[in-house]
Protein backbone atom coordinates (compact mmCIF):
# COMPACT_ATOMS: atom_id res chain seq x y z
CA MET A 1 82.71 75.48 104.66
CA THR A 2 84.79 76.22 107.69
CA LEU A 3 86.11 79.75 108.54
CA THR A 4 89.31 79.53 110.97
CA ILE A 5 92.06 82.24 111.91
CA ARG A 6 95.41 81.67 112.53
CA ALA A 7 98.73 83.12 113.80
CA GLY A 8 101.29 83.22 110.66
CA GLY A 9 104.90 83.72 110.71
CA SER A 10 107.35 84.44 107.99
CA ALA A 11 107.11 81.44 106.58
CA ASP A 12 103.24 82.79 104.93
CA ALA A 13 105.01 86.01 102.92
CA PRO A 14 104.36 83.75 99.48
CA SER A 15 101.09 82.80 100.54
CA ILE A 16 100.48 86.75 101.63
CA LEU A 17 101.91 87.70 98.42
CA ARG A 18 99.76 85.74 96.56
CA MET A 19 96.51 86.92 98.16
CA LEU A 20 97.78 90.27 97.59
CA ASP A 21 98.87 89.42 93.76
CA SER A 22 95.03 88.33 93.88
CA SER A 23 93.95 91.23 95.22
CA VAL A 24 95.31 93.92 92.59
CA ALA A 25 94.41 91.36 89.73
CA TRP A 26 90.91 92.06 90.81
CA LEU A 27 91.43 95.78 91.44
CA VAL A 28 92.53 95.50 87.69
CA ALA A 29 89.57 93.94 86.49
CA GLN A 30 87.36 96.77 87.48
CA GLY A 31 89.22 99.16 86.43
CA ARG A 32 90.43 100.18 89.41
CA THR A 33 93.94 100.85 89.21
CA ARG A 34 94.78 103.52 91.10
CA GLN A 35 94.83 101.55 94.79
CA TRP A 36 97.27 99.20 94.99
CA GLY A 37 98.62 99.59 90.52
CA THR A 38 98.67 97.80 88.22
CA GLU A 39 101.37 94.98 88.79
CA PRO A 40 101.83 91.35 91.32
CA TRP A 41 102.90 92.60 94.24
CA SER A 42 105.21 89.15 94.34
CA THR A 43 107.38 91.66 90.86
CA ASP A 44 107.92 94.30 92.66
CA PRO A 45 111.11 93.77 95.11
CA LYS A 46 110.20 97.34 97.89
CA ALA A 47 106.65 95.88 97.89
CA VAL A 48 108.41 92.21 98.85
CA ALA A 49 110.52 93.70 101.04
CA MET A 50 107.96 95.70 102.89
CA VAL A 51 105.66 92.81 103.11
CA GLU A 52 108.23 90.43 105.32
CA ARG A 53 109.57 93.32 106.75
CA TYR A 54 105.48 93.81 108.51
CA VAL A 55 105.70 90.09 108.99
CA ALA A 56 108.96 90.18 111.25
CA GLN A 57 107.97 92.87 112.43
CA GLY A 58 104.00 92.04 113.69
CA THR A 59 101.75 89.78 114.08
CA PRO A 60 99.82 88.54 110.68
CA TYR A 61 97.27 86.16 110.84
CA ILE A 62 95.53 83.76 108.04
CA ALA A 63 91.76 82.66 107.85
CA GLU A 64 91.33 79.78 105.94
CA VAL A 65 88.56 78.59 104.36
CA ASP A 66 88.53 74.66 104.43
CA GLY A 67 91.97 75.06 105.71
CA VAL A 68 93.35 77.00 102.31
CA PRO A 69 94.07 80.44 103.07
CA ALA A 70 91.50 83.07 101.69
CA ALA A 71 92.82 86.37 103.66
CA THR A 72 95.25 87.90 105.68
CA LEU A 73 96.21 90.83 108.02
CA THR A 74 99.61 92.16 110.12
CA LEU A 75 98.90 93.54 113.23
CA THR A 76 101.75 95.17 114.75
CA ASP A 77 102.11 98.45 117.68
CA ALA A 78 102.20 101.95 115.63
CA PRO A 79 101.10 102.76 111.33
CA GLY A 80 103.71 102.83 108.53
CA PRO A 81 106.17 105.32 108.35
CA TYR A 82 104.30 108.21 106.09
CA LEU A 83 102.14 108.64 109.33
CA ALA A 84 102.30 109.45 112.76
CA PRO A 85 101.27 107.32 115.34
CA ALA A 86 98.61 108.22 117.62
CA ASP A 87 99.36 109.90 121.32
CA GLU A 88 98.47 106.36 123.41
CA PRO A 89 99.46 102.74 123.04
CA GLU A 90 97.56 101.42 119.67
CA ARG A 91 97.54 98.61 117.68
CA TYR A 92 97.90 98.92 113.19
CA ILE A 93 96.44 96.58 110.80
CA HIS A 94 98.48 96.44 107.95
CA LEU A 95 97.89 94.56 104.63
CA LEU A 96 94.33 93.28 104.71
CA ALA A 97 93.99 91.21 101.17
CA SER A 98 91.91 88.82 100.22
CA ASP A 99 92.27 85.73 97.92
CA ARG A 100 89.55 86.45 95.64
CA ARG A 101 88.49 83.51 95.20
CA PHE A 102 86.67 83.39 98.33
CA LYS A 103 84.51 87.02 97.93
CA GLY A 104 81.89 86.91 99.93
CA HIS A 105 82.65 83.92 102.92
CA GLY A 106 83.81 86.77 105.48
CA ALA A 107 87.28 86.33 106.03
CA GLY A 108 88.08 89.57 106.26
CA ALA A 109 85.38 90.77 108.79
CA ALA A 110 86.49 88.09 110.64
CA LEU A 111 89.81 88.99 110.92
CA LEU A 112 89.10 92.81 111.50
CA ALA A 113 86.79 91.53 114.20
CA HIS A 114 89.95 88.95 115.58
CA ALA A 115 92.30 92.24 115.18
CA ALA A 116 89.98 93.49 117.48
CA GLU A 117 90.19 90.45 120.22
CA GLU A 118 93.85 90.93 119.87
CA THR A 119 94.21 94.15 120.87
CA ARG A 120 91.27 93.73 123.80
CA ARG A 121 93.63 90.73 124.68
CA ALA A 122 96.96 93.07 124.94
CA GLY A 123 95.09 95.45 127.10
CA VAL A 124 95.23 98.59 123.95
CA SER A 125 91.91 100.36 123.80
CA LEU A 126 92.72 101.43 120.06
CA LEU A 127 92.94 99.86 117.00
CA ARG A 128 93.12 101.33 113.54
CA VAL A 129 93.64 100.91 109.83
CA ASP A 130 94.82 103.08 106.52
CA CYS A 131 93.35 102.28 103.80
CA TYR A 132 93.02 103.90 99.96
CA ALA A 133 90.21 106.85 99.78
CA GLY A 134 89.77 106.93 96.07
CA ASP A 135 87.17 105.74 93.91
CA ASP A 136 83.95 104.97 94.70
CA GLY A 137 84.74 104.74 98.96
CA LYS A 138 83.71 101.44 99.31
CA LEU A 139 86.73 99.92 101.11
CA VAL A 140 86.16 103.38 103.28
CA ALA A 141 82.62 101.87 103.74
CA PHE A 142 84.18 98.01 104.19
CA TYR A 143 85.67 99.12 107.70
CA GLU A 144 82.81 101.22 108.50
CA GLY A 145 80.59 98.52 108.51
CA ASN A 146 83.02 96.58 110.64
CA GLY A 147 83.14 99.44 113.69
CA PHE A 148 85.78 101.77 112.63
CA THR A 149 85.48 105.22 112.53
CA ARG A 150 86.78 108.00 109.91
CA THR A 151 89.43 109.96 112.07
CA GLU A 152 91.91 111.88 109.41
CA SER A 153 92.10 112.36 105.81
CA PHE A 154 95.85 111.89 103.84
CA LEU A 155 97.68 112.33 100.65
CA HIS A 156 100.20 110.22 100.28
CA GLY A 157 103.69 110.01 98.10
CA ALA A 158 104.08 112.53 94.85
CA ASP A 159 100.88 111.22 93.42
CA GLU A 160 99.06 112.44 96.10
CA TRP A 161 97.23 108.82 96.93
CA PRO A 162 94.40 109.62 98.75
CA GLY A 163 93.99 108.06 101.76
CA GLN A 164 91.82 107.14 104.97
CA VAL A 165 92.76 106.35 108.46
CA LEU A 166 90.25 104.95 110.85
CA ALA A 167 90.18 103.74 114.49
CA ARG A 168 87.70 101.95 116.40
CA ARG A 169 88.03 101.90 120.26
CA VAL A 170 87.71 98.26 121.87
CA ARG A 171 86.52 97.92 125.08
CA GLN A 172 88.38 96.20 128.12
CA ARG A 173 86.46 93.57 129.80
CA ARG A 174 85.79 94.44 133.75
CA GLY A 175 89.19 94.23 135.04
CA GLN A 176 90.88 94.37 132.38
CA ARG A 177 93.32 97.67 132.48
CA PHE A 178 94.26 99.59 129.71
CA ARG A 179 98.10 100.05 128.60
């Protein structure tokens, strides 16, 4: 098995949507429907528009296992509109998802490490992400296991979707300046 990470682009939006659809199906099969709902993202025009917007405004990354897209995340300079930006330069992770056929291959963790390296390369010291914080808390624990620390909890929308913001400080190499 060979795991590689590549920068993506707008042409990857259908593949990203397939990975999100795979994640939704997996969550539904586990009875965890509050995180991302019960319907495929690819059938929701608002979700499709959101994915296309993040991919166009940020930099998507695709983890491939033996050349097959296995996981994705998009890196931008700010959180979504439902959260305040940090009071310093930051990189923000959006749309981390995987094709569940590749569960256990380390693609998600590899993407998070890649996001940290891209943040470092940009001379930025703060990498943040937010995620669903309900049910069993496994998603928050996943981020914590990958070097992130809880910063603030929030409730989003009329249904009070429980969210958690997590942050990771990225150390710069000697001689590199923070922005």
